[in-house]
Amino acid sequence: MPVPPPPAPPPPPTFALANTEKPTLNKTEQAGRNALLSDISKGKKLKKTVTNDRSAPILDKPKGAGAGGGGGGFGGGGGFGGGGGGGGGGSFGGGGPPG
């Protein structure tokens, strides 16, 4: 049994129905709006921020650089692959997946 075609898309919106009248504000709303616009136009000094961009890859630093410790990267027995030998090691003793 054939699948029925999808329904037709809805008609495009008509802009003749859009509300183009200027909204009316009461006195307190106008005062609040004027105060806000006044504050915006004066400008406010923003506090300086420090950006810590972590989007770049972390590269190993030379051994003499910096202080502090922590095992980084992939070395030292606790990294990925189980610290296998020179042939690719890791979980696959022969250097790659079987097959």
PDB file of N, CA and C in Angstrom:
ATOM      1  N   MET A   1       0.838  -1.163   0.000  1.00  0.00           N
ATOM      2  CA  MET A   1       0.000   0.000   0.000  1.00  0.00           C
ATOM      3  C   MET A   1       0.897   1.244   0.000  1.00  0.00           C
ATOM      4  N   PRO A   2       0.709   2.183  -0.919  1.00  0.00           N
ATOM      5  CA  PRO A   2       1.594   3.360  -0.992  1.00  0.00           C
ATOM      6  C   PRO A   2       1.364   4.316   0.188  1.00  0.00           C
ATOM      7  N   VAL A   3       2.413   4.991   0.525  1.00  0.00           N
ATOM      8  CA  VAL A   3       2.366   5.956   1.621  1.00  0.00           C
ATOM      9  C   VAL A   3       1.752   7.253   1.091  1.00  0.00           C
ATOM     10  N   PRO A   4       0.825   7.843   1.811  1.00  0.00           N
ATOM     11  CA  PRO A   4       0.227   9.095   1.326  1.00  0.00           C
ATOM     12  C   PRO A   4       1.252  10.232   1.350  1.00  0.00           C
ATOM     13  N   PRO A   5       1.121  11.205   0.473  1.00  0.00           N
ATOM     14  CA  PRO A   5       2.080  12.320   0.451  1.00  0.00           C
ATOM     15  C   PRO A   5       1.944  13.167   1.718  1.00  0.00           C
ATOM     16  N   PRO A   6       3.005  13.870   2.066  1.00  0.00           N
ATOM     17  CA  PRO A   6       2.937  14.717   3.262  1.00  0.00           C
ATOM     18  C   PRO A   6       1.973  15.877   3.029  1.00  0.00           C
ATOM     19  N   PRO A   7       1.476  16.456   4.100  1.00  0.00           N
ATOM     20  CA  PRO A   7       0.543  17.575   3.937  1.00  0.00           C
ATOM     21  C   PRO A   7       1.248  18.788   3.335  1.00  0.00           C
ATOM     22  N   ALA A   8       0.485  19.648   2.716  1.00  0.00           N
ATOM     23  CA  ALA A   8       1.035  20.858   2.102  1.00  0.00           C
ATOM     24  C   ALA A   8       1.540  21.798   3.194  1.00  0.00           C
ATOM     25  N   PRO A   9       2.562  22.606   2.886  1.00  0.00           N
ATOM     26  CA  PRO A   9       3.065  23.547   3.890  1.00  0.00           C
ATOM     27  C   PRO A   9       2.023  24.627   4.173  1.00  0.00           C
ATOM     28  N   PRO A  10       2.098  25.230   5.332  1.00  0.00           N
ATOM     29  CA  PRO A  10       1.135  26.281   5.655  1.00  0.00           C
ATOM     30  C   PRO A  10       1.369  27.506   4.773  1.00  0.00           C
ATOM     31  N   PRO A  11       0.369  28.322   4.596  1.00  0.00           N
ATOM     32  CA  PRO A  11       0.543  29.509   3.757  1.00  0.00           C
ATOM     33  C   PRO A  11       1.492  30.499   4.423  1.00  0.00           C
ATOM     34  N   PRO A  12       2.177  31.322   3.637  1.00  0.00           N
ATOM     35  CA  PRO A  12       3.097  32.302   4.235  1.00  0.00           C
ATOM     36  C   PRO A  12       2.316  33.336   5.047  1.00  0.00           C
ATOM     37  N   PRO A  13       2.969  33.934   6.029  1.00  0.00           N
ATOM     38  CA  PRO A  13       2.265  34.914   6.855  1.00  0.00           C
ATOM     39  C   PRO A  13       1.929  36.166   6.049  1.00  0.00           C
ATOM     40  N   THR A  14       0.848  36.771   6.389  1.00  0.00           N
ATOM     41  CA  THR A  14       0.466  38.023   5.739  1.00  0.00           C
ATOM     42  C   THR A  14       0.810  39.162   6.681  1.00  0.00           C
ATOM     43  N   PHE A  15       1.499  40.138   6.159  1.00  0.00           N
ATOM     44  CA  PHE A  15       1.942  41.246   6.998  1.00  0.00           C
ATOM     45  C   PHE A  15       0.853  42.297   7.170  1.00  0.00           C
ATOM     46  N   ALA A  16      -0.235  42.166   6.452  1.00  0.00           N
ATOM     47  CA  ALA A  16      -1.341  43.102   6.613  1.00  0.00           C
ATOM     48  C   ALA A  16      -1.987  42.942   7.989  1.00  0.00           C
ATOM     49  N   LEU A  17      -1.835  41.792   8.612  1.00  0.00           N
ATOM     50  CA  LEU A  17      -2.439  41.543   9.912  1.00  0.00           C
ATOM     51  C   LEU A  17      -1.540  41.956  11.076  1.00  0.00           C
ATOM     52  N   ALA A  18      -0.308  42.391  10.785  1.00  0.00           N
ATOM     53  CA  ALA A  18       0.628  42.728  11.846  1.00  0.00           C
ATOM     54  C   ALA A  18       0.176  43.987  12.579  1.00  0.00           C
ATOM     55  N   ASN A  19       0.441  44.034  13.869  1.00  0.00           N
ATOM     56  CA  ASN A  19       0.091  45.193  14.680  1.00  0.00           C
ATOM     57  C   ASN A  19       1.170  46.249  14.489  1.00  0.00           C
ATOM     58  N   THR A  20       0.839  47.345  13.852  1.00  0.00           N
ATOM     59  CA  THR A  20       1.825  48.398  13.591  1.00  0.00           C
ATOM     60  C   THR A  20       1.572  49.631  14.443  1.00  0.00           C
ATOM     61  N   GLU A  21       0.663  49.566  15.388  1.00  0.00           N
ATOM     62  CA  GLU A  21       0.373  50.718  16.238  1.00  0.00           C
ATOM     63  C   GLU A  21       1.443  50.861  17.310  1.00  0.00           C
ATOM     64  N   LYS A  22       1.785  52.105  17.611  1.00  0.00           N
ATOM     65  CA  LYS A  22       2.759  52.388  18.653  1.00  0.00           C
ATOM     66  C   LYS A  22       2.132  52.064  20.006  1.00  0.00           C
ATOM     67  N   PRO A  23       2.827  51.327  20.865  1.00  0.00           N
ATOM     68  CA  PRO A  23       2.232  50.997  22.163  1.00  0.00           C
ATOM     69  C   PRO A  23       2.121  52.245  23.035  1.00  0.00           C
ATOM     70  N   THR A  24       1.083  52.308  23.803  1.00  0.00           N
ATOM     71  CA  THR A  24       0.897  53.439  24.711  1.00  0.00           C
ATOM     72  C   THR A  24       1.370  53.032  26.095  1.00  0.00           C
ATOM     73  N   LEU A  25       2.144  53.914  26.718  1.00  0.00           N
ATOM     74  CA  LEU A  25       2.689  53.656  28.043  1.00  0.00           C
ATOM     75  C   LEU A  25       2.097  54.652  29.026  1.00  0.00           C
ATOM     76  N   ASN A  26       1.846  54.204  30.248  1.00  0.00           N
ATOM     77  CA  ASN A  26       1.381  55.147  31.261  1.00  0.00           C
ATOM     78  C   ASN A  26       2.575  55.928  31.804  1.00  0.00           C
ATOM     79  N   LYS A  27       2.335  56.885  32.689  1.00  0.00           N
ATOM     80  CA  LYS A  27       3.390  57.797  33.162  1.00  0.00           C
ATOM     81  C   LYS A  27       4.528  57.054  33.865  1.00  0.00           C
ATOM     82  N   THR A  28       4.204  56.067  34.699  1.00  0.00           N
ATOM     83  CA  THR A  28       5.271  55.362  35.422  1.00  0.00           C
ATOM     84  C   THR A  28       6.102  54.516  34.469  1.00  0.00           C
ATOM     85  N   GLU A  29       5.464  53.919  33.466  1.00  0.00           N
ATOM     86  CA  GLU A  29       6.219  53.136  32.484  1.00  0.00           C
ATOM     87  C   GLU A  29       7.118  54.043  31.657  1.00  0.00           C
ATOM     88  N   GLN A  30       6.624  55.240  31.305  1.00  0.00           N
ATOM     89  CA  GLN A  30       7.435  56.182  30.540  1.00  0.00           C
ATOM     90  C   GLN A  30       8.622  56.655  31.362  1.00  0.00           C
ATOM     91  N   ALA A  31       8.404  56.928  32.647  1.00  0.00           N
ATOM     92  CA  ALA A  31       9.489  57.391  33.511  1.00  0.00           C
ATOM     93  C   ALA A  31      10.555  56.303  33.651  1.00  0.00           C
ATOM     94  N   GLY A  32      10.125  55.061  33.846  1.00  0.00           N
ATOM     95  CA  GLY A  32      11.079  53.964  33.956  1.00  0.00           C
ATOM     96  C   GLY A  32      11.856  53.753  32.670  1.00  0.00           C
ATOM     97  N   ARG A  33      11.159  53.878  31.557  1.00  0.00           N
ATOM     98  CA  ARG A  33      11.820  53.710  30.252  1.00  0.00           C
ATOM     99  C   ARG A  33      12.826  54.827  30.017  1.00  0.00           C
ATOM    100  N   ASN A  34      12.443  56.064  30.353  1.00  0.00           N
ATOM    101  CA  ASN A  34      13.354  57.192  30.172  1.00  0.00           C
ATOM    102  C   ASN A  34      14.572  57.065  31.077  1.00  0.00           C
ATOM    103  N   ALA A  35      14.383  56.591  32.302  1.00  0.00           N
ATOM    104  CA  ALA A  35      15.510  56.402  33.214  1.00  0.00           C
ATOM    105  C   ALA A  35      16.454  55.330  32.682  1.00  0.00           C
ATOM    106  N   LEU A  36      15.895  54.262  32.155  1.00  0.00           N
ATOM    107  CA  LEU A  36      16.723  53.197  31.595  1.00  0.00           C
ATOM    108  C   LEU A  36      17.513  53.700  30.394  1.00  0.00           C
ATOM    109  N   LEU A  37      16.844  54.425  29.501  1.00  0.00           N
ATOM    110  CA  LEU A  37      17.540  54.965  28.330  1.00  0.00           C
ATOM    111  C   LEU A  37      18.610  55.967  28.739  1.00  0.00           C
ATOM    112  N   SER A  38      18.342  56.738  29.783  1.00  0.00           N
ATOM    113  CA  SER A  38      19.329  57.690  30.278  1.00  0.00           C
ATOM    114  C   SER A  38      20.559  56.960  30.814  1.00  0.00           C
ATOM    115  N   ASP A  39      20.339  55.906  31.584  1.00  0.00           N
ATOM    116  CA  ASP A  39      21.460  55.120  32.111  1.00  0.00           C
ATOM    117  C   ASP A  39      22.268  54.493  30.987  1.00  0.00           C
ATOM    118  N   ILE A  40      21.578  54.015  29.964  1.00  0.00           N
ATOM    119  CA  ILE A  40      22.273  53.391  28.840  1.00  0.00           C
ATOM    120  C   ILE A  40      23.102  54.426  28.097  1.00  0.00           C
ATOM    121  N   SER A  41      22.522  55.613  27.884  1.00  0.00           N
ATOM    122  CA  SER A  41      23.241  56.628  27.114  1.00  0.00           C
ATOM    123  C   SER A  41      24.434  57.177  27.883  1.00  0.00           C
ATOM    124  N   LYS A  42      24.383  57.193  29.221  1.00  0.00           N
ATOM    125  CA  LYS A  42      25.520  57.640  30.018  1.00  0.00           C
ATOM    126  C   LYS A  42      26.674  56.656  29.903  1.00  0.00           C
ATOM    127  N   GLY A  43      26.350  55.425  29.802  1.00  0.00           N
ATOM    128  CA  GLY A  43      27.387  54.400  29.753  1.00  0.00           C
ATOM    129  C   GLY A  43      27.831  54.035  31.148  1.00  0.00           C
ATOM    130  N   LYS A  44      28.330  52.857  31.291  1.00  0.00           N
ATOM    131  CA  LYS A  44      28.804  52.403  32.587  1.00  0.00           C
ATOM    132  C   LYS A  44      30.146  51.744  32.365  1.00  0.00           C
ATOM    133  N   LYS A  45      31.071  52.056  33.223  1.00  0.00           N
ATOM    134  CA  LYS A  45      32.384  51.432  33.139  1.00  0.00           C
ATOM    135  C   LYS A  45      32.254  49.973  33.552  1.00  0.00           C
ATOM    136  N   LEU A  46      32.663  49.116  32.669  1.00  0.00           N
ATOM    137  CA  LEU A  46      32.579  47.691  32.955  1.00  0.00           C
ATOM    138  C   LEU A  46      33.872  47.211  33.581  1.00  0.00           C
ATOM    139  N   LYS A  47      33.754  46.235  34.411  1.00  0.00           N
ATOM    140  CA  LYS A  47      34.920  45.667  35.066  1.00  0.00           C
ATOM    141  C   LYS A  47      35.740  44.892  34.042  1.00  0.00           C
ATOM    142  N   LYS A  48      37.035  44.996  34.135  1.00  0.00           N
ATOM    143  CA  LYS A  48      37.922  44.274  33.226  1.00  0.00           C
ATOM    144  C   LYS A  48      37.828  42.781  33.515  1.00  0.00           C
ATOM    145  N   THR A  49      37.828  42.009  32.455  1.00  0.00           N
ATOM    146  CA  THR A  49      37.745  40.562  32.613  1.00  0.00           C
ATOM    147  C   THR A  49      38.989  39.909  32.051  1.00  0.00           C
ATOM    148  N   VAL A  50      39.254  38.728  32.521  1.00  0.00           N
ATOM    149  CA  VAL A  50      40.363  37.930  32.021  1.00  0.00           C
ATOM    150  C   VAL A  50      39.766  36.731  31.303  1.00  0.00           C
ATOM    151  N   THR A  51      40.151  36.565  30.058  1.00  0.00           N
ATOM    152  CA  THR A  51      39.632  35.460  29.267  1.00  0.00           C
ATOM    153  C   THR A  51      40.611  34.298  29.320  1.00  0.00           C
ATOM    154  N   ASN A  52      40.112  33.133  29.664  1.00  0.00           N
ATOM    155  CA  ASN A  52      40.927  31.929  29.687  1.00  0.00           C
ATOM    156  C   ASN A  52      40.482  31.070  28.512  1.00  0.00           C
ATOM    157  N   ASP A  53      41.149  31.238  27.371  1.00  0.00           N
ATOM    158  CA  ASP A  53      40.771  30.540  26.149  1.00  0.00           C
ATOM    159  C   ASP A  53      41.357  29.133  26.180  1.00  0.00           C
ATOM    160  N   ARG A  54      40.494  28.142  26.282  1.00  0.00           N
ATOM    161  CA  ARG A  54      40.937  26.749  26.338  1.00  0.00           C
ATOM    162  C   ARG A  54      40.644  26.009  25.044  1.00  0.00           C
ATOM    163  N   SER A  55      40.393  26.753  23.967  1.00  0.00           N
ATOM    164  CA  SER A  55      40.025  26.088  22.722  1.00  0.00           C
ATOM    165  C   SER A  55      41.231  25.506  21.989  1.00  0.00           C
ATOM    166  N   ALA A  56      42.432  25.980  22.284  1.00  0.00           N
ATOM    167  CA  ALA A  56      43.625  25.471  21.615  1.00  0.00           C
ATOM    168  C   ALA A  56      44.077  24.173  22.284  1.00  0.00           C
ATOM    169  N   PRO A  57      44.731  23.283  21.533  1.00  0.00           N
ATOM    170  CA  PRO A  57      45.220  22.043  22.149  1.00  0.00           C
ATOM    171  C   PRO A  57      46.346  22.330  23.135  1.00  0.00           C
ATOM    172  N   ILE A  58      46.421  21.528  24.169  1.00  0.00           N
ATOM    173  CA  ILE A  58      47.476  21.674  25.163  1.00  0.00           C
ATOM    174  C   ILE A  58      48.688  20.901  24.669  1.00  0.00           C
ATOM    175  N   LEU A  59      49.792  21.601  24.542  1.00  0.00           N
ATOM    176  CA  LEU A  59      51.026  20.974  24.075  1.00  0.00           C
ATOM    177  C   LEU A  59      51.936  20.733  25.271  1.00  0.00           C
ATOM    178  N   ASP A  60      52.752  19.691  25.165  1.00  0.00           N
ATOM    179  CA  ASP A  60      53.692  19.395  26.237  1.00  0.00           C
ATOM    180  C   ASP A  60      54.731  20.502  26.313  1.00  0.00           C
ATOM    181  N   LYS A  61      55.037  20.919  27.551  1.00  0.00           N
ATOM    182  CA  LYS A  61      56.041  21.947  27.755  1.00  0.00           C
ATOM    183  C   LYS A  61      57.403  21.265  27.893  1.00  0.00           C
ATOM    184  N   PRO A  62      58.490  21.980  27.594  1.00  0.00           N
ATOM    185  CA  PRO A  62      59.823  21.400  27.817  1.00  0.00           C
ATOM    186  C   PRO A  62      60.016  21.064  29.291  1.00  0.00           C
ATOM    187  N   LYS A  63      60.897  20.107  29.568  1.00  0.00           N
ATOM    188  CA  LYS A  63      61.046  19.593  30.925  1.00  0.00           C
ATOM    189  C   LYS A  63      61.476  20.657  31.925  1.00  0.00           C
ATOM    190  N   GLY A  64      62.275  21.623  31.536  1.00  0.00           N
ATOM    191  CA  GLY A  64      62.763  22.626  32.469  1.00  0.00           C
ATOM    192  C   GLY A  64      61.788  23.758  32.707  1.00  0.00           C
ATOM    193  N   ALA A  65      60.720  23.857  31.955  1.00  0.00           N
ATOM    194  CA  ALA A  65      59.838  25.023  32.034  1.00  0.00           C
ATOM    195  C   ALA A  65      58.845  24.898  33.177  1.00  0.00           C
ATOM    196  N   GLY A  66      58.672  25.989  33.872  1.00  0.00           N
ATOM    197  CA  GLY A  66      57.614  26.079  34.863  1.00  0.00           C
ATOM    198  C   GLY A  66      57.907  25.329  36.145  1.00  0.00           C
ATOM    199  N   ALA A  67      57.088  25.608  37.126  1.00  0.00           N
ATOM    200  CA  ALA A  67      57.194  24.911  38.390  1.00  0.00           C
ATOM    201  C   ALA A  67      55.911  24.147  38.619  1.00  0.00           C
ATOM    202  N   GLY A  68      55.932  23.266  39.549  1.00  0.00           N
ATOM    203  CA  GLY A  68      54.724  22.498  39.828  1.00  0.00           C
ATOM    204  C   GLY A  68      54.807  21.146  39.177  1.00  0.00           C
ATOM    205  N   GLY A  69      53.829  20.361  39.429  1.00  0.00           N
ATOM    206  CA  GLY A  69      53.918  19.006  38.932  1.00  0.00           C
ATOM    207  C   GLY A  69      52.631  18.549  38.333  1.00  0.00           C
ATOM    208  N   GLY A  70      52.367  17.329  38.553  1.00  0.00           N
ATOM    209  CA  GLY A  70      51.176  16.740  37.952  1.00  0.00           C
ATOM    210  C   GLY A  70      51.567  16.031  36.683  1.00  0.00           C
ATOM    211  N   GLY A  71      51.128  14.842  36.534  1.00  0.00           N
ATOM    212  CA  GLY A  71      51.435  14.095  35.322  1.00  0.00           C
ATOM    213  C   GLY A  71      50.535  14.572  34.207  1.00  0.00           C
ATOM    214  N   GLY A  72      51.119  15.051  33.159  1.00  0.00           N
ATOM    215  CA  GLY A  72      50.300  15.542  32.063  1.00  0.00           C
ATOM    216  C   GLY A  72      50.441  14.642  30.863  1.00  0.00           C
ATOM    217  N   GLY A  73      49.643  14.867  29.891  1.00  0.00           N
ATOM    218  CA  GLY A  73      49.762  14.181  28.617  1.00  0.00           C
ATOM    219  C   GLY A  73      49.489  12.695  28.712  1.00  0.00           C
ATOM    220  N   PHE A  74      50.220  11.944  27.889  1.00  0.00           N
ATOM    221  CA  PHE A  74      49.967  10.521  27.762  1.00  0.00           C
ATOM    222  C   PHE A  74      51.081   9.659  28.343  1.00  0.00           C
ATOM    223  N   GLY A  75      52.116  10.220  28.877  1.00  0.00           N
ATOM    224  CA  GLY A  75      53.255   9.428  29.303  1.00  0.00           C
ATOM    225  C   GLY A  75      53.108   8.895  30.717  1.00  0.00           C
ATOM    226  N   GLY A  76      54.055   8.123  31.134  1.00  0.00           N
ATOM    227  CA  GLY A  76      54.171   7.716  32.510  1.00  0.00           C
ATOM    228  C   GLY A  76      53.305   6.571  32.977  1.00  0.00           C
ATOM    229  N   GLY A  77      53.026   5.611  32.181  1.00  0.00           N
ATOM    230  CA  GLY A  77      52.375   4.400  32.646  1.00  0.00           C
ATOM    231  C   GLY A  77      50.886   4.513  32.921  1.00  0.00           C
ATOM    232  N   GLY A  78      50.397   5.664  33.319  1.00  0.00           N
ATOM    233  CA  GLY A  78      48.985   5.781  33.631  1.00  0.00           C
ATOM    234  C   GLY A  78      48.177   6.342  32.478  1.00  0.00           C
ATOM    235  N   GLY A  79      48.821   6.551  31.361  1.00  0.00           N
ATOM    236  CA  GLY A  79      48.142   7.176  30.230  1.00  0.00           C
ATOM    237  C   GLY A  79      47.311   6.188  29.447  1.00  0.00           C
ATOM    238  N   PHE A  80      46.957   6.575  28.244  1.00  0.00           N
ATOM    239  CA  PHE A  80      46.151   5.723  27.384  1.00  0.00           C
ATOM    240  C   PHE A  80      46.971   4.548  26.859  1.00  0.00           C
ATOM    241  N   GLY A  81      46.331   3.473  26.601  1.00  0.00           N
ATOM    242  CA  GLY A  81      46.989   2.334  25.971  1.00  0.00           C
ATOM    243  C   GLY A  81      47.731   1.433  26.932  1.00  0.00           C
ATOM    244  N   GLY A  82      47.745   1.713  28.194  1.00  0.00           N
ATOM    245  CA  GLY A  82      48.377   0.816  29.150  1.00  0.00           C
ATOM    246  C   GLY A  82      49.891   0.868  29.139  1.00  0.00           C
ATOM    247  N   GLY A  83      50.495   1.844  28.524  1.00  0.00           N
ATOM    248  CA  GLY A  83      51.947   1.985  28.554  1.00  0.00           C
ATOM    249  C   GLY A  83      52.667   0.870  27.834  1.00  0.00           C
ATOM    250  N   GLY A  84      52.156   0.456  26.705  1.00  0.00           N
ATOM    251  CA  GLY A  84      52.774  -0.620  25.946  1.00  0.00           C
ATOM    252  C   GLY A  84      54.105  -0.221  25.343  1.00  0.00           C
ATOM    253  N   GLY A  85      54.798  -1.179  24.764  1.00  0.00           N
ATOM    254  CA  GLY A  85      56.114  -0.979  24.181  1.00  0.00           C
ATOM    255  C   GLY A  85      56.104  -0.138  22.924  1.00  0.00           C
ATOM    256  N   GLY A  86      57.128  -0.297  22.097  1.00  0.00           N
ATOM    257  CA  GLY A  86      57.306   0.559  20.942  1.00  0.00           C
ATOM    258  C   GLY A  86      56.470   0.195  19.742  1.00  0.00           C
ATOM    259  N   GLY A  87      55.777  -0.900  19.714  1.00  0.00           N
ATOM    260  CA  GLY A  87      55.074  -1.316  18.512  1.00  0.00           C
ATOM    261  C   GLY A  87      53.623  -0.896  18.465  1.00  0.00           C
ATOM    262  N   GLY A  88      53.264   0.204  19.082  1.00  0.00           N
ATOM    263  CA  GLY A  88      51.865   0.592  19.086  1.00  0.00           C
ATOM    264  C   GLY A  88      51.173   0.124  20.339  1.00  0.00           C
ATOM    265  N   GLY A  89      51.623  -0.939  20.905  1.00  0.00           N
ATOM    266  CA  GLY A  89      51.222  -1.457  22.200  1.00  0.00           C
ATOM    267  C   GLY A  89      49.755  -1.307  22.523  1.00  0.00           C
ATOM    268  N   GLY A  90      49.511  -0.859  23.743  1.00  0.00           N
ATOM    269  CA  GLY A  90      48.156  -0.640  24.182  1.00  0.00           C
ATOM    270  C   GLY A  90      47.411  -1.938  24.387  1.00  0.00           C
ATOM    271  N   SER A  91      46.134  -1.913  24.127  1.00  0.00           N
ATOM    272  CA  SER A  91      45.301  -3.083  24.339  1.00  0.00           C
ATOM    273  C   SER A  91      45.568  -4.172  23.323  1.00  0.00           C
ATOM    274  N   PHE A  92      46.059  -3.794  22.159  1.00  0.00           N
ATOM    275  CA  PHE A  92      46.348  -4.760  21.101  1.00  0.00           C
ATOM    276  C   PHE A  92      47.849  -5.052  21.117  1.00  0.00           C
ATOM    277  N   GLY A  93      48.213  -6.211  21.581  1.00  0.00           N
ATOM    278  CA  GLY A  93      49.620  -6.563  21.709  1.00  0.00           C
ATOM    279  C   GLY A  93      50.370  -6.557  20.393  1.00  0.00           C
ATOM    280  N   GLY A  94      49.707  -6.818  19.286  1.00  0.00           N
ATOM    281  CA  GLY A  94      50.388  -6.846  17.998  1.00  0.00           C
ATOM    282  C   GLY A  94      50.468  -5.490  17.329  1.00  0.00           C
ATOM    283  N   GLY A  95      50.037  -4.439  17.984  1.00  0.00           N
ATOM    284  CA  GLY A  95      50.141  -3.119  17.402  1.00  0.00           C
ATOM    285  C   GLY A  95      48.894  -2.678  16.662  1.00  0.00           C
ATOM    286  N   GLY A  96      47.855  -3.450  16.644  1.00  0.00           N
ATOM    287  CA  GLY A  96      46.643  -3.035  15.953  1.00  0.00           C
ATOM    288  C   GLY A  96      45.514  -3.991  16.230  1.00  0.00           C
ATOM    289  N   PRO A  97      44.338  -3.660  15.784  1.00  0.00           N
ATOM    290  CA  PRO A  97      43.219  -4.562  16.027  1.00  0.00           C
ATOM    291  C   PRO A  97      43.341  -5.828  15.192  1.00  0.00           C
ATOM    292  N   PRO A  98      42.866  -6.941  15.702  1.00  0.00           N
ATOM    293  CA  PRO A  98      42.961  -8.174  14.921  1.00  0.00           C
ATOM    294  C   PRO A  98      42.021  -8.116  13.719  1.00  0.00           C
ATOM    295  N   GLY A  99      42.437  -8.720  12.665  1.00  0.00           N
ATOM    296  CA  GLY A  99      41.502  -8.794  11.565  1.00  0.00           C
ATOM    297  C   GLY A  99      42.156  -8.592  10.300  1.00  0.00           C
TER     298      GLY A  99
END
